[in-house]
Amino acid sequence: EAREYLYEQLKANGYTYLPSGTNFVLFPIRMKGDDFVGKMMEQGVSIRQWKFDGQYWCRVSLGTMPQMQAFASGLKTIS
């Protein structure tokens, strides 16, 4: 349920993602990774990022629905 919700929220905010069968989802971000992490932290959301082959990526661990809703709210605010 949390994964499908996350997929919907990423799509709604114009992000693509790598489908996952794990407890996390990866998606490319549209700004420098440190900037993205900082802006999400300002929203009370902690995520991980890294740069691979010139592209910044975000790794979001799946959590409870309230945690995923907090992530979605933060993402919407900064997108």
PDB file of N, CA and C in Angstrom:
ATOM      1  N   GLU A   1       0.823  -1.196   0.000  1.00  0.00           N
ATOM      2  CA  GLU A   1       0.000   0.000   0.000  1.00  0.00           C
ATOM      3  C   GLU A   1       0.869   1.263   0.000  1.00  0.00           C
ATOM      4  N   ALA A   2       1.905   1.284   0.854  1.00  0.00           N
ATOM      5  CA  ALA A   2       2.789   2.455   0.934  1.00  0.00           C
ATOM      6  C   ALA A   2       3.543   2.665  -0.377  1.00  0.00           C
ATOM      7  N   ARG A   3       3.975   1.563  -0.992  1.00  0.00           N
ATOM      8  CA  ARG A   3       4.728   1.670  -2.251  1.00  0.00           C
ATOM      9  C   ARG A   3       3.843   2.256  -3.351  1.00  0.00           C
ATOM     10  N   GLU A   4       2.629   1.755  -3.479  1.00  0.00           N
ATOM     11  CA  GLU A   4       1.720   2.263  -4.508  1.00  0.00           C
ATOM     12  C   GLU A   4       1.381   3.731  -4.259  1.00  0.00           C
ATOM     13  N   TYR A   5       1.199   4.096  -3.004  1.00  0.00           N
ATOM     14  CA  TYR A   5       0.937   5.498  -2.659  1.00  0.00           C
ATOM     15  C   TYR A   5       2.127   6.358  -3.077  1.00  0.00           C
ATOM     16  N   LEU A   6       3.338   5.897  -2.764  1.00  0.00           N
ATOM     17  CA  LEU A   6       4.542   6.648  -3.133  1.00  0.00           C
ATOM     18  C   LEU A   6       4.632   6.802  -4.642  1.00  0.00           C
ATOM     19  N   TYR A   7       4.397   5.731  -5.382  1.00  0.00           N
ATOM     20  CA  TYR A   7       4.423   5.809  -6.836  1.00  0.00           C
ATOM     21  C   TYR A   7       3.445   6.882  -7.340  1.00  0.00           C
ATOM     22  N   GLU A   8       2.238   6.880  -6.804  1.00  0.00           N
ATOM     23  CA  GLU A   8       1.223   7.862  -7.217  1.00  0.00           C
ATOM     24  C   GLU A   8       1.682   9.283  -6.926  1.00  0.00           C
ATOM     25  N   GLN A   9       2.278   9.486  -5.752  1.00  0.00           N
ATOM     26  CA  GLN A   9       2.716  10.820  -5.376  1.00  0.00           C
ATOM     27  C   GLN A   9       3.886  11.301  -6.234  1.00  0.00           C
ATOM     28  N   LEU A  10       4.800  10.408  -6.543  1.00  0.00           N
ATOM     29  CA  LEU A  10       5.913  10.783  -7.418  1.00  0.00           C
ATOM     30  C   LEU A  10       5.385  11.190  -8.791  1.00  0.00           C
ATOM     31  N   LYS A  11       4.493  10.375  -9.354  1.00  0.00           N
ATOM     32  CA  LYS A  11       3.910  10.713 -10.653  1.00  0.00           C
ATOM     33  C   LYS A  11       3.184  12.049 -10.608  1.00  0.00           C
ATOM     34  N   ALA A  12       2.419  12.283  -9.549  1.00  0.00           N
ATOM     35  CA  ALA A  12       1.642  13.524  -9.417  1.00  0.00           C
ATOM     36  C   ALA A  12       2.539  14.754  -9.368  1.00  0.00           C
ATOM     37  N   ASN A  13       3.787  14.582  -8.917  1.00  0.00           N
ATOM     38  CA  ASN A  13       4.726  15.691  -8.835  1.00  0.00           C
ATOM     39  C   ASN A  13       5.715  15.705  -9.993  1.00  0.00           C
ATOM     40  N   GLY A  14       5.440  14.898 -11.020  1.00  0.00           N
ATOM     41  CA  GLY A  14       6.247  14.924 -12.236  1.00  0.00           C
ATOM     42  C   GLY A  14       7.548  14.157 -12.182  1.00  0.00           C
ATOM     43  N   TYR A  15       7.662  13.208 -11.256  1.00  0.00           N
ATOM     44  CA  TYR A  15       8.881  12.415 -11.144  1.00  0.00           C
ATOM     45  C   TYR A  15       8.664  11.024 -11.738  1.00  0.00           C
ATOM     46  N   THR A  16       9.723  10.476 -12.310  1.00  0.00           N
ATOM     47  CA  THR A  16       9.729   9.077 -12.704  1.00  0.00           C
ATOM     48  C   THR A  16      10.401   8.312 -11.567  1.00  0.00           C
ATOM     49  N   TYR A  17      10.326   7.008 -11.578  1.00  0.00           N
ATOM     50  CA  TYR A  17      10.942   6.206 -10.520  1.00  0.00           C
ATOM     51  C   TYR A  17      11.321   4.847 -11.089  1.00  0.00           C
ATOM     52  N   LEU A  18      12.181   4.164 -10.369  1.00  0.00           N
ATOM     53  CA  LEU A  18      12.528   2.793 -10.741  1.00  0.00           C
ATOM     54  C   LEU A  18      11.615   1.870  -9.949  1.00  0.00           C
ATOM     55  N   PRO A  19      10.776   1.083 -10.609  1.00  0.00           N
ATOM     56  CA  PRO A  19       9.916   0.149  -9.877  1.00  0.00           C
ATOM     57  C   PRO A  19      10.762  -0.733  -8.958  1.00  0.00           C
ATOM     58  N   SER A  20      10.224  -1.017  -7.783  1.00  0.00           N
ATOM     59  CA  SER A  20      11.007  -1.708  -6.775  1.00  0.00           C
ATOM     60  C   SER A  20      10.208  -2.808  -6.095  1.00  0.00           C
ATOM     61  N   GLY A  21      10.878  -3.890  -5.781  1.00  0.00           N
ATOM     62  CA  GLY A  21      10.308  -4.957  -4.967  1.00  0.00           C
ATOM     63  C   GLY A  21      10.956  -4.975  -3.596  1.00  0.00           C
ATOM     64  N   THR A  22      11.709  -3.926  -3.294  1.00  0.00           N
ATOM     65  CA  THR A  22      12.428  -3.827  -2.021  1.00  0.00           C
ATOM     66  C   THR A  22      11.688  -2.878  -1.075  1.00  0.00           C
ATOM     67  N   ASN A  23      12.342  -2.529   0.031  1.00  0.00           N
ATOM     68  CA  ASN A  23      11.732  -1.619   0.994  1.00  0.00           C
ATOM     69  C   ASN A  23      12.108  -0.161   0.728  1.00  0.00           C
ATOM     70  N   PHE A  24      12.546   0.144  -0.484  1.00  0.00           N
ATOM     71  CA  PHE A  24      12.854   1.522  -0.858  1.00  0.00           C
ATOM     72  C   PHE A  24      12.577   1.732  -2.340  1.00  0.00           C
ATOM     73  N   VAL A  25      12.495   3.010  -2.712  1.00  0.00           N
ATOM     74  CA  VAL A  25      12.254   3.392  -4.108  1.00  0.00           C
ATOM     75  C   VAL A  25      13.287   4.435  -4.493  1.00  0.00           C
ATOM     76  N   LEU A  26      13.828   4.318  -5.694  1.00  0.00           N
ATOM     77  CA  LEU A  26      14.790   5.279  -6.234  1.00  0.00           C
ATOM     78  C   LEU A  26      14.124   6.112  -7.313  1.00  0.00           C
ATOM     79  N   PHE A  27      14.446   7.411  -7.300  1.00  0.00           N
ATOM     80  CA  PHE A  27      13.966   8.261  -8.384  1.00  0.00           C
ATOM     81  C   PHE A  27      14.956   9.387  -8.632  1.00  0.00           C
ATOM     82  N   PRO A  28      15.104   9.808  -9.899  1.00  0.00           N
ATOM     83  CA  PRO A  28      16.007  10.905 -10.222  1.00  0.00           C
ATOM     84  C   PRO A  28      15.402  12.229  -9.769  1.00  0.00           C
ATOM     85  N   ILE A  29      16.248  13.088  -9.211  1.00  0.00           N
ATOM     86  CA  ILE A  29      15.766  14.391  -8.749  1.00  0.00           C
ATOM     87  C   ILE A  29      16.230  15.491  -9.686  1.00  0.00           C
ATOM     88  N   ARG A  30      15.542  16.636  -9.604  1.00  0.00           N
ATOM     89  CA  ARG A  30      15.760  17.713 -10.579  1.00  0.00           C
ATOM     90  C   ARG A  30      16.579  18.874 -10.032  1.00  0.00           C
ATOM     91  N   MET A  31      17.318  18.630  -8.966  1.00  0.00           N
ATOM     92  CA  MET A  31      18.200  19.661  -8.420  1.00  0.00           C
ATOM     93  C   MET A  31      19.399  18.950  -7.808  1.00  0.00           C
ATOM     94  N   LYS A  32      20.371  19.719  -7.367  1.00  0.00           N
ATOM     95  CA  LYS A  32      21.530  19.109  -6.721  1.00  0.00           C
ATOM     96  C   LYS A  32      21.058  18.313  -5.511  1.00  0.00           C
ATOM     97  N   GLY A  33      21.679  17.183  -5.311  1.00  0.00           N
ATOM     98  CA  GLY A  33      21.277  16.282  -4.238  1.00  0.00           C
ATOM     99  C   GLY A  33      21.279  16.918  -2.861  1.00  0.00           C
ATOM    100  N   ASP A  34      22.341  17.664  -2.524  1.00  0.00           N
ATOM    101  CA  ASP A  34      22.412  18.297  -1.204  1.00  0.00           C
ATOM    102  C   ASP A  34      21.310  19.332  -1.030  1.00  0.00           C
ATOM    103  N   ASP A  35      20.967  20.038  -2.093  1.00  0.00           N
ATOM    104  CA  ASP A  35      19.874  21.014  -2.019  1.00  0.00           C
ATOM    105  C   ASP A  35      18.548  20.307  -1.759  1.00  0.00           C
ATOM    106  N   PHE A  36      18.335  19.205  -2.450  1.00  0.00           N
ATOM    107  CA  PHE A  36      17.100  18.433  -2.282  1.00  0.00           C
ATOM    108  C   PHE A  36      16.990  17.911  -0.845  1.00  0.00           C
ATOM    109  N   VAL A  37      18.060  17.324  -0.349  1.00  0.00           N
ATOM    110  CA  VAL A  37      18.069  16.804   1.021  1.00  0.00           C
ATOM    111  C   VAL A  37      17.783  17.929   2.014  1.00  0.00           C
ATOM    112  N   GLY A  38      18.437  19.082   1.835  1.00  0.00           N
ATOM    113  CA  GLY A  38      18.238  20.211   2.735  1.00  0.00           C
ATOM    114  C   GLY A  38      16.803  20.706   2.728  1.00  0.00           C
ATOM    115  N   LYS A  39      16.219  20.816   1.548  1.00  0.00           N
ATOM    116  CA  LYS A  39      14.838  21.298   1.446  1.00  0.00           C
ATOM    117  C   LYS A  39      13.854  20.299   2.059  1.00  0.00           C
ATOM    118  N   MET A  40      14.132  19.010   1.878  1.00  0.00           N
ATOM    119  CA  MET A  40      13.264  18.002   2.495  1.00  0.00           C
ATOM    120  C   MET A  40      13.433  18.010   4.017  1.00  0.00           C
ATOM    121  N   MET A  41      14.645  18.219   4.503  1.00  0.00           N
ATOM    122  CA  MET A  41      14.865  18.300   5.954  1.00  0.00           C
ATOM    123  C   MET A  41      14.097  19.476   6.548  1.00  0.00           C
ATOM    124  N   GLU A  42      14.022  20.584   5.819  1.00  0.00           N
ATOM    125  CA  GLU A  42      13.240  21.733   6.279  1.00  0.00           C
ATOM    126  C   GLU A  42      11.769  21.361   6.434  1.00  0.00           C
ATOM    127  N   GLN A  43      11.320  20.350   5.704  1.00  0.00           N
ATOM    128  CA  GLN A  43       9.937  19.865   5.779  1.00  0.00           C
ATOM    129  C   GLN A  43       9.790  18.733   6.806  1.00  0.00           C
ATOM    130  N   GLY A  44      10.891  18.417   7.494  1.00  0.00           N
ATOM    131  CA  GLY A  44      10.860  17.359   8.510  1.00  0.00           C
ATOM    132  C   GLY A  44      11.009  15.963   7.959  1.00  0.00           C
ATOM    133  N   VAL A  45      11.568  15.846   6.732  1.00  0.00           N
ATOM    134  CA  VAL A  45      11.701  14.542   6.073  1.00  0.00           C
ATOM    135  C   VAL A  45      13.173  14.266   5.800  1.00  0.00           C
ATOM    136  N   SER A  46      13.628  13.106   6.243  1.00  0.00           N
ATOM    137  CA  SER A  46      15.019  12.700   6.028  1.00  0.00           C
ATOM    138  C   SER A  46      15.064  11.657   4.909  1.00  0.00           C
ATOM    139  N   ILE A  47      15.890  11.915   3.906  1.00  0.00           N
ATOM    140  CA  ILE A  47      16.071  10.991   2.790  1.00  0.00           C
ATOM    141  C   ILE A  47      17.553  10.893   2.473  1.00  0.00           C
ATOM    142  N   ARG A  48      17.899  10.001   1.572  1.00  0.00           N
ATOM    143  CA  ARG A  48      19.282   9.860   1.111  1.00  0.00           C
ATOM    144  C   ARG A  48      19.349  10.216  -0.360  1.00  0.00           C
ATOM    145  N   GLN A  49      20.504  10.680  -0.774  1.00  0.00           N
ATOM    146  CA  GLN A  49      20.726  11.007  -2.183  1.00  0.00           C
ATOM    147  C   GLN A  49      22.131  10.622  -2.567  1.00  0.00           C
ATOM    148  N   TRP A  50      22.362  10.476  -3.838  1.00  0.00           N
ATOM    149  CA  TRP A  50      23.702  10.318  -4.376  1.00  0.00           C
ATOM    150  C   TRP A  50      23.680  10.655  -5.854  1.00  0.00           C
ATOM    151  N   LYS A  51      24.866  10.813  -6.396  1.00  0.00           N
ATOM    152  CA  LYS A  51      25.005  11.147  -7.807  1.00  0.00           C
ATOM    153  C   LYS A  51      25.600   9.950  -8.523  1.00  0.00           C
ATOM    154  N   PHE A  52      24.957   9.564  -9.610  1.00  0.00           N
ATOM    155  CA  PHE A  52      25.428   8.451 -10.417  1.00  0.00           C
ATOM    156  C   PHE A  52      25.349   8.847 -11.875  1.00  0.00           C
ATOM    157  N   ASP A  53      26.460   8.760 -12.566  1.00  0.00           N
ATOM    158  CA  ASP A  53      26.527   9.042 -13.996  1.00  0.00           C
ATOM    159  C   ASP A  53      25.939  10.408 -14.337  1.00  0.00           C
ATOM    160  N   GLY A  54      26.261  11.408 -13.506  1.00  0.00           N
ATOM    161  CA  GLY A  54      25.842  12.779 -13.761  1.00  0.00           C
ATOM    162  C   GLY A  54      24.430  13.124 -13.316  1.00  0.00           C
ATOM    163  N   GLN A  55      23.706  12.173 -12.729  1.00  0.00           N
ATOM    164  CA  GLN A  55      22.326  12.398 -12.298  1.00  0.00           C
ATOM    165  C   GLN A  55      22.229  12.220 -10.779  1.00  0.00           C
ATOM    166  N   TYR A  56      21.537  13.154 -10.115  1.00  0.00           N
ATOM    167  CA  TYR A  56      21.257  13.003  -8.694  1.00  0.00           C
ATOM    168  C   TYR A  56      20.019  12.127  -8.508  1.00  0.00           C
ATOM    169  N   TRP A  57      20.100  11.236  -7.528  1.00  0.00           N
ATOM    170  CA  TRP A  57      19.022  10.286  -7.234  1.00  0.00           C
ATOM    171  C   TRP A  57      18.625  10.392  -5.773  1.00  0.00           C
ATOM    172  N   CYS A  58      17.362  10.098  -5.499  1.00  0.00           N
ATOM    173  CA  CYS A  58      16.850  10.043  -4.144  1.00  0.00           C
ATOM    174  C   CYS A  58      16.468   8.600  -3.832  1.00  0.00           C
ATOM    175  N   ARG A  59      16.759   8.187  -2.604  1.00  0.00           N
ATOM    176  CA  ARG A  59      16.354   6.860  -2.116  1.00  0.00           C
ATOM    177  C   ARG A  59      15.382   7.086  -0.968  1.00  0.00           C
ATOM    178  N   VAL A  60      14.164   6.620  -1.118  1.00  0.00           N
ATOM    179  CA  VAL A  60      13.139   6.781  -0.091  1.00  0.00           C
ATOM    180  C   VAL A  60      12.794   5.399   0.463  1.00  0.00           C
ATOM    181  N   SER A  61      12.990   5.234   1.765  1.00  0.00           N
ATOM    182  CA  SER A  61      12.582   3.990   2.414  1.00  0.00           C
ATOM    183  C   SER A  61      11.075   4.003   2.606  1.00  0.00           C
ATOM    184  N   LEU A  62      10.460   2.860   2.395  1.00  0.00           N
ATOM    185  CA  LEU A  62       9.024   2.753   2.617  1.00  0.00           C
ATOM    186  C   LEU A  62       8.761   2.696   4.113  1.00  0.00           C
ATOM    187  N   GLY A  63       7.703   3.372   4.534  1.00  0.00           N
ATOM    188  CA  GLY A  63       7.349   3.401   5.948  1.00  0.00           C
ATOM    189  C   GLY A  63       5.857   3.262   6.119  1.00  0.00           C
ATOM    190  N   THR A  64       5.382   3.751   7.240  1.00  0.00           N
ATOM    191  CA  THR A  64       3.953   3.734   7.511  1.00  0.00           C
ATOM    192  C   THR A  64       3.264   4.742   6.605  1.00  0.00           C
ATOM    193  N   MET A  65       1.965   4.634   6.473  1.00  0.00           N
ATOM    194  CA  MET A  65       1.246   5.595   5.633  1.00  0.00           C
ATOM    195  C   MET A  65       1.435   7.027   6.145  1.00  0.00           C
ATOM    196  N   PRO A  66       1.382   7.303   7.455  1.00  0.00           N
ATOM    197  CA  PRO A  66       1.648   8.682   7.892  1.00  0.00           C
ATOM    198  C   PRO A  66       3.048   9.169   7.500  1.00  0.00           C
ATOM    199  N   GLN A  67       4.037   8.285   7.536  1.00  0.00           N
ATOM    200  CA  GLN A  67       5.390   8.677   7.121  1.00  0.00           C
ATOM    201  C   GLN A  67       5.433   8.962   5.626  1.00  0.00           C
ATOM    202  N   MET A  68       4.753   8.143   4.832  1.00  0.00           N
ATOM    203  CA  MET A  68       4.745   8.355   3.388  1.00  0.00           C
ATOM    204  C   MET A  68       3.971   9.626   3.043  1.00  0.00           C
ATOM    205  N   GLN A  69       2.926   9.918   3.791  1.00  0.00           N
ATOM    206  CA  GLN A  69       2.172  11.156   3.579  1.00  0.00           C
ATOM    207  C   GLN A  69       3.028  12.373   3.924  1.00  0.00           C
ATOM    208  N   ALA A  70       3.857  12.253   4.961  1.00  0.00           N
ATOM    209  CA  ALA A  70       4.768  13.354   5.307  1.00  0.00           C
ATOM    210  C   ALA A  70       5.776  13.565   4.186  1.00  0.00           C
ATOM    211  N   PHE A  71       6.305  12.470   3.629  1.00  0.00           N
ATOM    212  CA  PHE A  71       7.212  12.598   2.500  1.00  0.00           C
ATOM    213  C   PHE A  71       6.527  13.272   1.330  1.00  0.00           C
ATOM    214  N   ALA A  72       5.308  12.820   0.994  1.00  0.00           N
ATOM    215  CA  ALA A  72       4.563  13.368  -0.142  1.00  0.00           C
ATOM    216  C   ALA A  72       4.297  14.852   0.051  1.00  0.00           C
ATOM    217  N   SER A  73       3.965  15.245   1.259  1.00  0.00           N
ATOM    218  CA  SER A  73       3.700  16.660   1.547  1.00  0.00           C
ATOM    219  C   SER A  73       4.968  17.490   1.346  1.00  0.00           C
ATOM    220  N   GLY A  74       6.087  16.991   1.855  1.00  0.00           N
ATOM    221  CA  GLY A  74       7.365  17.692   1.682  1.00  0.00           C
ATOM    222  C   GLY A  74       7.747  17.797   0.216  1.00  0.00           C
ATOM    223  N   LEU A  75       7.587  16.709  -0.524  1.00  0.00           N
ATOM    224  CA  LEU A  75       7.921  16.700  -1.950  1.00  0.00           C
ATOM    225  C   LEU A  75       7.065  17.701  -2.707  1.00  0.00           C
ATOM    226  N   LYS A  76       5.779  17.736  -2.404  1.00  0.00           N
ATOM    227  CA  LYS A  76       4.888  18.671  -3.085  1.00  0.00           C
ATOM    228  C   LYS A  76       5.313  20.108  -2.813  1.00  0.00           C
ATOM    229  N   THR A  77       5.720  20.396  -1.582  1.00  0.00           N
ATOM    230  CA  THR A  77       6.121  21.744  -1.205  1.00  0.00           C
ATOM    231  C   THR A  77       7.358  22.203  -1.976  1.00  0.00           C
ATOM    232  N   ILE A  78       8.313  21.322  -2.192  1.00  0.00           N
ATOM    233  CA  ILE A  78       9.553  21.746  -2.847  1.00  0.00           C
ATOM    234  C   ILE A  78       9.531  21.569  -4.358  1.00  0.00           C
ATOM    235  N   SER A  79       8.543  20.857  -4.874  1.00  0.00           N
ATOM    236  CA  SER A  79       8.524  20.590  -6.324  1.00  0.00           C
ATOM    237  C   SER A  79       8.038  21.757  -7.135  1.00  0.00           C
TER     238      SER A  79
END
